[in-house]
């Protein structure tokens, strides 16, 4: 099992080139085709034209966006050539969130960036990564907006609570898990009894071993009652030197609201390492 089509979201934000660098590393590792999908915030032209004196501003903005997109496309193509990775540049029309979600459904792995409130150029839409995550239908690898990551997937931490979403994430992360130098399964639910936790984690460890995971261990962290599960997972990952967190995403999207589970919300807000999530 491997990822054969990887899609990376490209925009005009400060971390676009870092996402591309990570995507190229993973495309080389898995022998994958890499799609670079450009999607950026685009204001509604009707909102400009109904206001006197704003039409010229909108035309200038549109020209600047076209120039920025051209520069990013040239970077993408040059980096593909340098890395000797096959790929394609994609510039869909229409709503950027819908475009990313639809295209993600024909990729084995999607790479997005964490929301960065300090970088207006990275703004696509409200709850952009969350909406794509819940609508993608497959694994989404989220990259933090700070930090550099020389390795991803060498030391994997699996957050396990026996749920459907957690199981989906584990299966979706199997190309990473099977190649990892070390995998740790952590019981991440307070609803487990000790016996249930050990039995469920042991079954999971046996399955991963059959898929080729060479070193798998099981742990259960004790967290302070005031500490959220998400914060506890991030602390554990940092202390153990893990470079990938695998977990299920809990929640659902509606037309005008987005409801996420507490751990999912916490991780998306404060992640300090790449996180592979599936819903």
C-alpha atoms as a PDB file:
ATOM      1  CA  UNK A   1       0.000   0.000   0.000  1.00  0.00           C
ATOM      2  CA  UNK A   2       1.302   3.431  -0.916  1.00  0.00           C
ATOM      3  CA  UNK A   3       0.266   6.957  -1.811  1.00  0.00           C
ATOM      4  CA  UNK A   4       0.346   7.270  -5.582  1.00  0.00           C
ATOM      5  CA  UNK A   5      -1.386  10.646  -5.953  1.00  0.00           C
ATOM      6  CA  UNK A   6      -0.549  13.451  -3.542  1.00  0.00           C
ATOM      7  CA  UNK A   7      -2.170  16.878  -3.695  1.00  0.00           C
ATOM      8  CA  UNK A   8      -0.662  19.948  -2.052  1.00  0.00           C
ATOM      9  CA  UNK A   9      -2.581  23.183  -1.624  1.00  0.00           C
ATOM     10  CA  UNK A  10      -0.674  26.195  -2.935  1.00  0.00           C
ATOM     11  CA  UNK A  11      -1.523  29.826  -2.256  1.00  0.00           C
ATOM     12  CA  UNK A  12       0.205  33.190  -1.780  1.00  0.00           C
ATOM     13  CA  UNK A  13       0.854  32.628   1.929  1.00  0.00           C
ATOM     14  CA  UNK A  14       4.242  32.541   3.617  1.00  0.00           C
ATOM     15  CA  UNK A  15       4.193  28.752   4.149  1.00  0.00           C
ATOM     16  CA  UNK A  16       3.307  27.683   0.610  1.00  0.00           C
ATOM     17  CA  UNK A  17       6.919  26.910  -0.300  1.00  0.00           C
ATOM     18  CA  UNK A  18       7.411  24.904   2.915  1.00  0.00           C
ATOM     19  CA  UNK A  19       4.331  22.813   2.087  1.00  0.00           C
ATOM     20  CA  UNK A  20       5.702  22.246  -1.390  1.00  0.00           C
ATOM     21  CA  UNK A  21       9.045  21.113   0.035  1.00  0.00           C
ATOM     22  CA  UNK A  22       7.284  18.595   2.272  1.00  0.00           C
ATOM     23  CA  UNK A  23       5.069  17.411  -0.583  1.00  0.00           C
ATOM     24  CA  UNK A  24       8.092  16.815  -2.808  1.00  0.00           C
ATOM     25  CA  UNK A  25       9.826  14.786  -0.093  1.00  0.00           C
ATOM     26  CA  UNK A  26       6.773  12.585   0.299  1.00  0.00           C
ATOM     27  CA  UNK A  27       6.261  12.237  -3.469  1.00  0.00           C
ATOM     28  CA  UNK A  28       9.841  10.990  -3.801  1.00  0.00           C
ATOM     29  CA  UNK A  29       9.461   8.637  -0.837  1.00  0.00           C
ATOM     30  CA  UNK A  30       6.286   7.020  -2.135  1.00  0.00           C
ATOM     31  CA  UNK A  31       6.915   7.306  -5.866  1.00  0.00           C
ATOM     32  CA  UNK A  32       3.823   9.466  -6.189  1.00  0.00           C
ATOM     33  CA  UNK A  33       2.437  11.897  -8.722  1.00  0.00           C
ATOM     34  CA  UNK A  34       2.148  15.396  -7.199  1.00  0.00           C
ATOM     35  CA  UNK A  35      -0.672  17.816  -7.980  1.00  0.00           C
ATOM     36  CA  UNK A  36      -0.184  21.432  -6.976  1.00  0.00           C
ATOM     37  CA  UNK A  37      -3.626  22.973  -6.616  1.00  0.00           C
ATOM     38  CA  UNK A  38      -3.718  26.749  -6.445  1.00  0.00           C
ATOM     39  CA  UNK A  39      -6.621  28.161  -4.456  1.00  0.00           C
ATOM     40  CA  UNK A  40      -6.652  31.639  -2.923  1.00  0.00           C
ATOM     41  CA  UNK A  41      -9.227  34.036  -1.555  1.00  0.00           C
ATOM     42  CA  UNK A  42     -10.938  35.959  -4.316  1.00  0.00           C
ATOM     43  CA  UNK A  43     -13.345  38.791  -3.463  1.00  0.00           C
ATOM     44  CA  UNK A  44     -16.713  38.888  -5.176  1.00  0.00           C
ATOM     45  CA  UNK A  45     -16.397  41.439  -8.009  1.00  0.00           C
ATOM     46  CA  UNK A  46     -20.031  42.509  -7.546  1.00  0.00           C
ATOM     47  CA  UNK A  47     -19.105  43.861  -4.125  1.00  0.00           C
ATOM     48  CA  UNK A  48     -16.594  46.168  -5.784  1.00  0.00           C
ATOM     49  CA  UNK A  49     -18.582  47.279  -8.782  1.00  0.00           C
ATOM     50  CA  UNK A  50     -21.576  48.395  -6.729  1.00  0.00           C
ATOM     51  CA  UNK A  51     -19.338  50.841  -4.845  1.00  0.00           C
ATOM     52  CA  UNK A  52     -18.235  53.958  -6.686  1.00  0.00           C
ATOM     53  CA  UNK A  53     -14.523  54.131  -7.392  1.00  0.00           C
ATOM     54  CA  UNK A  54     -13.707  50.530  -6.496  1.00  0.00           C
ATOM     55  CA  UNK A  55     -13.775  48.919  -9.952  1.00  0.00           C
ATOM     56  CA  UNK A  56     -10.202  50.023 -10.697  1.00  0.00           C
ATOM     57  CA  UNK A  57      -9.057  48.653  -7.343  1.00  0.00           C
ATOM     58  CA  UNK A  58     -10.595  45.264  -8.123  1.00  0.00           C
ATOM     59  CA  UNK A  59      -8.952  45.158 -11.556  1.00  0.00           C
ATOM     60  CA  UNK A  60      -5.577  45.960  -9.971  1.00  0.00           C
ATOM     61  CA  UNK A  61      -6.131  43.261  -7.347  1.00  0.00           C
ATOM     62  CA  UNK A  62      -7.024  40.703 -10.020  1.00  0.00           C
ATOM     63  CA  UNK A  63      -3.893  41.549 -12.038  1.00  0.00           C
ATOM     64  CA  UNK A  64      -1.704  41.195  -8.926  1.00  0.00           C
ATOM     65  CA  UNK A  65      -3.272  37.807  -8.124  1.00  0.00           C
ATOM     66  CA  UNK A  66      -2.605  36.629 -11.682  1.00  0.00           C
ATOM     67  CA  UNK A  67       1.053  37.649 -11.397  1.00  0.00           C
ATOM     68  CA  UNK A  68       1.402  35.949  -7.995  1.00  0.00           C
ATOM     69  CA  UNK A  69      -0.204  32.778  -9.286  1.00  0.00           C
ATOM     70  CA  UNK A  70       2.185  32.781 -12.260  1.00  0.00           C
ATOM     71  CA  UNK A  71       5.191  33.112  -9.963  1.00  0.00           C
ATOM     72  CA  UNK A  72       4.021  30.252  -7.742  1.00  0.00           C
ATOM     73  CA  UNK A  73       3.332  28.081 -10.785  1.00  0.00           C
ATOM     74  CA  UNK A  74       6.876  28.686 -12.061  1.00  0.00           C
ATOM     75  CA  UNK A  75       8.256  27.757  -8.638  1.00  0.00           C
ATOM     76  CA  UNK A  76       6.166  24.592  -8.550  1.00  0.00           C
ATOM     77  CA  UNK A  77       7.255  23.459 -12.008  1.00  0.00           C
ATOM     78  CA  UNK A  78      10.910  24.258 -11.331  1.00  0.00           C
ATOM     79  CA  UNK A  79      10.859  22.292  -8.077  1.00  0.00           C
ATOM     80  CA  UNK A  80       9.188  19.314  -9.778  1.00  0.00           C
ATOM     81  CA  UNK A  81      11.982  19.261 -12.337  1.00  0.00           C
ATOM     82  CA  UNK A  82      14.705  19.635  -9.713  1.00  0.00           C
ATOM     83  CA  UNK A  83      13.235  16.819  -7.591  1.00  0.00           C
ATOM     84  CA  UNK A  84      12.520  14.650 -10.665  1.00  0.00           C
ATOM     85  CA  UNK A  85       8.928  14.160  -9.546  1.00  0.00           C
ATOM     86  CA  UNK A  86       6.026  13.846 -11.938  1.00  0.00           C
ATOM     87  CA  UNK A  87       3.142  16.204 -11.339  1.00  0.00           C
ATOM     88  CA  UNK A  88       0.650  18.744 -12.606  1.00  0.00           C
ATOM     89  CA  UNK A  89      -0.364  22.320 -11.828  1.00  0.00           C
ATOM     90  CA  UNK A  90      -4.089  22.767 -11.243  1.00  0.00           C
ATOM     91  CA  UNK A  91      -5.971  26.082 -11.210  1.00  0.00           C
ATOM     92  CA  UNK A  92      -9.669  25.334 -10.735  1.00  0.00           C
ATOM     93  CA  UNK A  93     -12.433  27.832 -11.297  1.00  0.00           C
ATOM     94  CA  UNK A  94     -15.133  28.742  -8.814  1.00  0.00           C
ATOM     95  CA  UNK A  95     -15.273  28.583  -5.038  1.00  0.00           C
ATOM     96  CA  UNK A  96     -11.805  27.637  -3.726  1.00  0.00           C
ATOM     97  CA  UNK A  97     -13.064  25.539  -0.805  1.00  0.00           C
ATOM     98  CA  UNK A  98     -15.331  23.466  -3.021  1.00  0.00           C
ATOM     99  CA  UNK A  99     -12.558  23.099  -5.593  1.00  0.00           C
ATOM    100  CA  UNK A 100     -10.053  21.803  -3.037  1.00  0.00           C
ATOM    101  CA  UNK A 101     -12.589  19.381  -1.535  1.00  0.00           C
ATOM    102  CA  UNK A 102     -13.623  17.967  -4.895  1.00  0.00           C
ATOM    103  CA  UNK A 103     -10.064  17.534  -6.133  1.00  0.00           C
ATOM    104  CA  UNK A 104      -9.004  15.986  -2.825  1.00  0.00           C
ATOM    105  CA  UNK A 105     -11.380  13.086  -3.390  1.00  0.00           C
ATOM    106  CA  UNK A 106      -9.208  11.786  -6.221  1.00  0.00           C
ATOM    107  CA  UNK A 107      -5.955  12.045  -4.248  1.00  0.00           C
ATOM    108  CA  UNK A 108      -4.505   9.456  -1.872  1.00  0.00           C
ATOM    109  CA  UNK A 109      -3.148  12.177   0.422  1.00  0.00           C
ATOM    110  CA  UNK A 110      -3.902  15.898   0.705  1.00  0.00           C
ATOM    111  CA  UNK A 111      -1.465  18.373   2.257  1.00  0.00           C
ATOM    112  CA  UNK A 112      -2.866  21.564   3.769  1.00  0.00           C
ATOM    113  CA  UNK A 113      -1.515  24.239   6.078  1.00  0.00           C
ATOM    114  CA  UNK A 114      -2.744  25.092   9.550  1.00  0.00           C
ATOM    115  CA  UNK A 115      -4.705  28.344   9.778  1.00  0.00           C
ATOM    116  CA  UNK A 116      -2.377  31.268  10.488  1.00  0.00           C
ATOM    117  CA  UNK A 117      -4.220  34.311  11.800  1.00  0.00           C
ATOM    118  CA  UNK A 118      -1.056  36.413  11.402  1.00  0.00           C
ATOM    119  CA  UNK A 119      -0.750  35.783   7.644  1.00  0.00           C
ATOM    120  CA  UNK A 120      -3.636  37.371   5.713  1.00  0.00           C
ATOM    121  CA  UNK A 121      -2.287  36.007   2.429  1.00  0.00           C
ATOM    122  CA  UNK A 122      -3.005  32.471   3.639  1.00  0.00           C
ATOM    123  CA  UNK A 123      -6.698  33.219   4.259  1.00  0.00           C
ATOM    124  CA  UNK A 124      -8.951  31.227   1.930  1.00  0.00           C
ATOM    125  CA  UNK A 125     -12.242  31.114   3.828  1.00  0.00           C
ATOM    126  CA  UNK A 126     -13.507  30.717   7.363  1.00  0.00           C
ATOM    127  CA  UNK A 127     -12.673  27.229   8.695  1.00  0.00           C
ATOM    128  CA  UNK A 128     -10.938  26.308   5.447  1.00  0.00           C
ATOM    129  CA  UNK A 129      -8.833  23.330   6.640  1.00  0.00           C
ATOM    130  CA  UNK A 130     -11.639  22.050   8.874  1.00  0.00           C
ATOM    131  CA  UNK A 131     -14.175  22.115   6.034  1.00  0.00           C
ATOM    132  CA  UNK A 132     -11.818  20.331   3.621  1.00  0.00           C
ATOM    133  CA  UNK A 133     -10.885  17.788   6.293  1.00  0.00           C
ATOM    134  CA  UNK A 134     -14.497  16.833   6.956  1.00  0.00           C
ATOM    135  CA  UNK A 135     -15.419  16.753   3.268  1.00  0.00           C
ATOM    136  CA  UNK A 136     -12.333  15.235   1.668  1.00  0.00           C
ATOM    137  CA  UNK A 137     -13.221  11.575   2.053  1.00  0.00           C
ATOM    138  CA  UNK A 138      -9.595  10.641   2.674  1.00  0.00           C
ATOM    139  CA  UNK A 139      -6.510  11.523   4.712  1.00  0.00           C
ATOM    140  CA  UNK A 140      -5.420  15.134   5.153  1.00  0.00           C
ATOM    141  CA  UNK A 141      -1.885  15.915   6.318  1.00  0.00           C
ATOM    142  CA  UNK A 142      -1.878  19.261   8.101  1.00  0.00           C
ATOM    143  CA  UNK A 143       1.376  21.196   8.404  1.00  0.00           C
ATOM    144  CA  UNK A 144       1.869  23.675  11.272  1.00  0.00           C
ATOM    145  CA  UNK A 145       2.372  27.309  10.342  1.00  0.00           C
ATOM    146  CA  UNK A 146       5.602  27.442  12.344  1.00  0.00           C
ATOM    147  CA  UNK A 147       8.613  25.158  12.514  1.00  0.00           C
ATOM    148  CA  UNK A 148      10.662  23.132  10.065  1.00  0.00           C
ATOM    149  CA  UNK A 149      10.285  19.383   9.675  1.00  0.00           C
ATOM    150  CA  UNK A 150      13.268  17.493   8.354  1.00  0.00           C
ATOM    151  CA  UNK A 151      11.524  14.152   8.803  1.00  0.00           C
ATOM    152  CA  UNK A 152       7.848  13.236   8.737  1.00  0.00           C
ATOM    153  CA  UNK A 153       6.710   9.717   9.538  1.00  0.00           C
ATOM    154  CA  UNK A 154       9.879   8.246  11.044  1.00  0.00           C
ATOM    155  CA  UNK A 155       8.422   8.281  14.573  1.00  0.00           C
ATOM    156  CA  UNK A 156       4.632   7.977  14.452  1.00  0.00           C
ATOM    157  CA  UNK A 157       2.254   8.553  17.354  1.00  0.00           C
ATOM    158  CA  UNK A 158      -1.198   6.993  16.865  1.00  0.00           C
ATOM    159  CA  UNK A 159      -4.011   8.441  18.994  1.00  0.00           C
ATOM    160  CA  UNK A 160      -6.353   5.487  19.508  1.00  0.00           C
ATOM    161  CA  UNK A 161      -9.800   5.361  21.097  1.00  0.00           C
ATOM    162  CA  UNK A 162     -11.352   2.526  19.157  1.00  0.00           C
ATOM    163  CA  UNK A 163     -13.667   4.793  17.138  1.00  0.00           C
ATOM    164  CA  UNK A 164     -14.530   4.536  13.450  1.00  0.00           C
ATOM    165  CA  UNK A 165     -12.676   7.793  12.737  1.00  0.00           C
ATOM    166  CA  UNK A 166      -9.542   6.619  14.531  1.00  0.00           C
ATOM    167  CA  UNK A 167      -9.629   3.336  12.598  1.00  0.00           C
ATOM    168  CA  UNK A 168     -10.043   5.245   9.331  1.00  0.00           C
ATOM    169  CA  UNK A 169      -7.035   7.412  10.154  1.00  0.00           C
ATOM    170  CA  UNK A 170      -4.856   4.397  10.957  1.00  0.00           C
ATOM    171  CA  UNK A 171      -5.703   2.683   7.682  1.00  0.00           C
ATOM    172  CA  UNK A 172      -5.163   5.931   5.768  1.00  0.00           C
ATOM    173  CA  UNK A 173      -1.762   6.391   7.436  1.00  0.00           C
ATOM    174  CA  UNK A 174      -0.568   2.852   6.698  1.00  0.00           C
ATOM    175  CA  UNK A 175       2.024   3.918   4.084  1.00  0.00           C
ATOM    176  CA  UNK A 176       3.699   6.000   6.801  1.00  0.00           C
ATOM    177  CA  UNK A 177       3.227   3.395   9.539  1.00  0.00           C
ATOM    178  CA  UNK A 178       4.636   0.498   7.501  1.00  0.00           C
ATOM    179  CA  UNK A 179       7.830   2.478   6.787  1.00  0.00           C
ATOM    180  CA  UNK A 180       8.243   4.099  10.212  1.00  0.00           C
ATOM    181  CA  UNK A 181      11.244   3.363  12.409  1.00  0.00           C
ATOM    182  CA  UNK A 182       9.008   3.482  15.482  1.00  0.00           C
ATOM    183  CA  UNK A 183       5.240   3.545  16.092  1.00  0.00           C
ATOM    184  CA  UNK A 184       3.581   4.244  19.434  1.00  0.00           C
ATOM    185  CA  UNK A 185      -0.105   3.626  20.076  1.00  0.00           C
ATOM    186  CA  UNK A 186      -1.477   5.814  22.832  1.00  0.00           C
ATOM    187  CA  UNK A 187      -4.875   5.192  24.416  1.00  0.00           C
ATOM    188  CA  UNK A 188      -6.410   8.631  24.031  1.00  0.00           C
ATOM    189  CA  UNK A 189      -9.837   8.132  25.565  1.00  0.00           C
ATOM    190  CA  UNK A 190     -10.990   8.452  29.161  1.00  0.00           C
ATOM    191  CA  UNK A 191     -13.941   6.169  28.356  1.00  0.00           C
ATOM    192  CA  UNK A 192     -11.694   3.086  28.138  1.00  0.00           C
ATOM    193  CA  UNK A 193     -11.335   0.883  31.158  1.00  0.00           C
ATOM    194  CA  UNK A 194      -7.740  -0.260  31.616  1.00  0.00           C
ATOM    195  CA  UNK A 195      -8.532  -3.776  30.372  1.00  0.00           C
ATOM    196  CA  UNK A 196     -10.469  -2.496  27.334  1.00  0.00           C
ATOM    197  CA  UNK A 197      -7.672  -0.088  26.477  1.00  0.00           C
ATOM    198  CA  UNK A 198      -4.951  -2.735  26.566  1.00  0.00           C
ATOM    199  CA  UNK A 199      -7.006  -5.256  24.597  1.00  0.00           C
ATOM    200  CA  UNK A 200      -7.991  -2.770  21.894  1.00  0.00           C
ATOM    201  CA  UNK A 201      -4.471  -1.350  21.569  1.00  0.00           C
ATOM    202  CA  UNK A 202      -2.944  -4.836  21.475  1.00  0.00           C
ATOM    203  CA  UNK A 203      -5.232  -5.837  18.606  1.00  0.00           C
ATOM    204  CA  UNK A 204      -4.269  -2.694  16.734  1.00  0.00           C
ATOM    205  CA  UNK A 205      -0.559  -3.311  17.337  1.00  0.00           C
ATOM    206  CA  UNK A 206      -0.888  -6.851  15.973  1.00  0.00           C
ATOM    207  CA  UNK A 207      -2.606  -5.567  12.836  1.00  0.00           C
ATOM    208  CA  UNK A 208       0.102  -2.946  12.258  1.00  0.00           C
ATOM    209  CA  UNK A 209       2.820  -5.566  12.672  1.00  0.00           C
ATOM    210  CA  UNK A 210       1.170  -7.675   9.981  1.00  0.00           C
ATOM    211  CA  UNK A 211       1.381  -4.662   7.673  1.00  0.00           C
ATOM    212  CA  UNK A 212       5.130  -4.457   8.225  1.00  0.00           C
ATOM    213  CA  UNK A 213       5.490  -2.049  11.141  1.00  0.00           C
ATOM    214  CA  UNK A 214       8.740  -3.186  12.730  1.00  0.00           C
ATOM    215  CA  UNK A 215       8.641  -1.533  16.160  1.00  0.00           C
ATOM    216  CA  UNK A 216       5.249  -0.902  17.761  1.00  0.00           C
ATOM    217  CA  UNK A 217       4.697  -0.116  21.410  1.00  0.00           C
ATOM    218  CA  UNK A 218       1.651   0.768  23.474  1.00  0.00           C
ATOM    219  CA  UNK A 219       1.363   3.448  26.109  1.00  0.00           C
ATOM    220  CA  UNK A 220      -1.280   5.306  28.042  1.00  0.00           C
ATOM    221  CA  UNK A 221      -0.602   8.831  29.228  1.00  0.00           C
ATOM    222  CA  UNK A 222      -2.007  10.276  32.391  1.00  0.00           C
ATOM    223  CA  UNK A 223      -3.142  13.846  31.997  1.00  0.00           C
ATOM    224  CA  UNK A 224      -4.166  16.493  34.447  1.00  0.00           C
ATOM    225  CA  UNK A 225      -7.929  16.938  34.643  1.00  0.00           C
ATOM    226  CA  UNK A 226      -7.491  20.558  33.564  1.00  0.00           C
ATOM    227  CA  UNK A 227      -5.534  19.521  30.449  1.00  0.00           C
ATOM    228  CA  UNK A 228      -7.394  18.723  27.244  1.00  0.00           C
ATOM    229  CA  UNK A 229      -6.783  15.494  25.333  1.00  0.00           C
ATOM    230  CA  UNK A 230      -5.413  17.494  22.424  1.00  0.00           C
ATOM    231  CA  UNK A 231      -2.920  19.380  24.582  1.00  0.00           C
ATOM    232  CA  UNK A 232      -1.865  16.151  26.294  1.00  0.00           C
ATOM    233  CA  UNK A 233      -1.235  14.470  22.933  1.00  0.00           C
ATOM    234  CA  UNK A 234       0.870  17.381  21.708  1.00  0.00           C
ATOM    235  CA  UNK A 235       2.905  17.407  24.926  1.00  0.00           C
ATOM    236  CA  UNK A 236       3.469  13.658  24.690  1.00  0.00           C
ATOM    237  CA  UNK A 237       4.486  13.949  21.024  1.00  0.00           C
ATOM    238  CA  UNK A 238       6.971  16.729  21.810  1.00  0.00           C
ATOM    239  CA  UNK A 239       8.502  14.887  24.780  1.00  0.00           C
ATOM    240  CA  UNK A 240       8.909  11.696  22.724  1.00  0.00           C
ATOM    241  CA  UNK A 241      10.379  13.346  19.631  1.00  0.00           C
ATOM    242  CA  UNK A 242       7.571  12.156  17.344  1.00  0.00           C
ATOM    243  CA  UNK A 243       7.341  13.675  13.867  1.00  0.00           C
ATOM    244  CA  UNK A 244       3.802  12.602  12.889  1.00  0.00           C
ATOM    245  CA  UNK A 245       0.552  12.369  14.828  1.00  0.00           C
ATOM    246  CA  UNK A 246      -2.199  10.157  13.413  1.00  0.00           C
ATOM    247  CA  UNK A 247      -5.748  10.657  14.684  1.00  0.00           C
ATOM    248  CA  UNK A 248      -9.380  10.606  13.706  1.00  0.00           C
ATOM    249  CA  UNK A 249     -11.232  13.883  13.141  1.00  0.00           C
ATOM    250  CA  UNK A 250     -14.570  14.178  14.871  1.00  0.00           C
ATOM    251  CA  UNK A 251     -17.326  16.476  13.762  1.00  0.00           C
ATOM    252  CA  UNK A 252     -19.693  17.318  10.955  1.00  0.00           C
ATOM    253  CA  UNK A 253     -20.203  20.170   8.545  1.00  0.00           C
ATOM    254  CA  UNK A 254     -23.507  21.876   7.887  1.00  0.00           C
ATOM    255  CA  UNK A 255     -24.415  24.697   5.549  1.00  0.00           C
ATOM    256  CA  UNK A 256     -23.813  27.471   8.071  1.00  0.00           C
ATOM    257  CA  UNK A 257     -21.981  25.806  10.935  1.00  0.00           C
ATOM    258  CA  UNK A 258     -19.023  23.604  11.634  1.00  0.00           C
ATOM    259  CA  UNK A 259     -19.047  21.389  14.712  1.00  0.00           C
ATOM    260  CA  UNK A 260     -15.796  19.710  15.745  1.00  0.00           C
ATOM    261  CA  UNK A 261     -14.849  17.460  18.606  1.00  0.00           C
ATOM    262  CA  UNK A 262     -12.761  18.957  21.391  1.00  0.00           C
ATOM    263  CA  UNK A 263      -9.519  17.112  20.607  1.00  0.00           C
ATOM    264  CA  UNK A 264      -9.831  17.914  16.899  1.00  0.00           C
ATOM    265  CA  UNK A 265     -10.373  21.612  17.616  1.00  0.00           C
ATOM    266  CA  UNK A 266      -7.459  21.738  20.039  1.00  0.00           C
ATOM    267  CA  UNK A 267      -5.015  20.011  17.686  1.00  0.00           C
ATOM    268  CA  UNK A 268      -5.960  22.178  14.715  1.00  0.00           C
ATOM    269  CA  UNK A 269      -5.458  25.325  16.784  1.00  0.00           C
ATOM    270  CA  UNK A 270      -2.174  24.477  18.517  1.00  0.00           C
ATOM    271  CA  UNK A 271      -0.424  21.736  16.511  1.00  0.00           C
ATOM    272  CA  UNK A 272       3.357  21.623  16.789  1.00  0.00           C
ATOM    273  CA  UNK A 273       4.037  18.724  14.422  1.00  0.00           C
ATOM    274  CA  UNK A 274       2.464  17.432  11.197  1.00  0.00           C
ATOM    275  CA  UNK A 275      -0.858  15.726  11.869  1.00  0.00           C
ATOM    276  CA  UNK A 276      -2.588  13.192   9.618  1.00  0.00           C
ATOM    277  CA  UNK A 277      -6.342  13.263  10.188  1.00  0.00           C
ATOM    278  CA  UNK A 278      -9.210  11.349   8.629  1.00  0.00           C
ATOM    279  CA  UNK A 279     -12.923  11.685   9.063  1.00  0.00           C
END
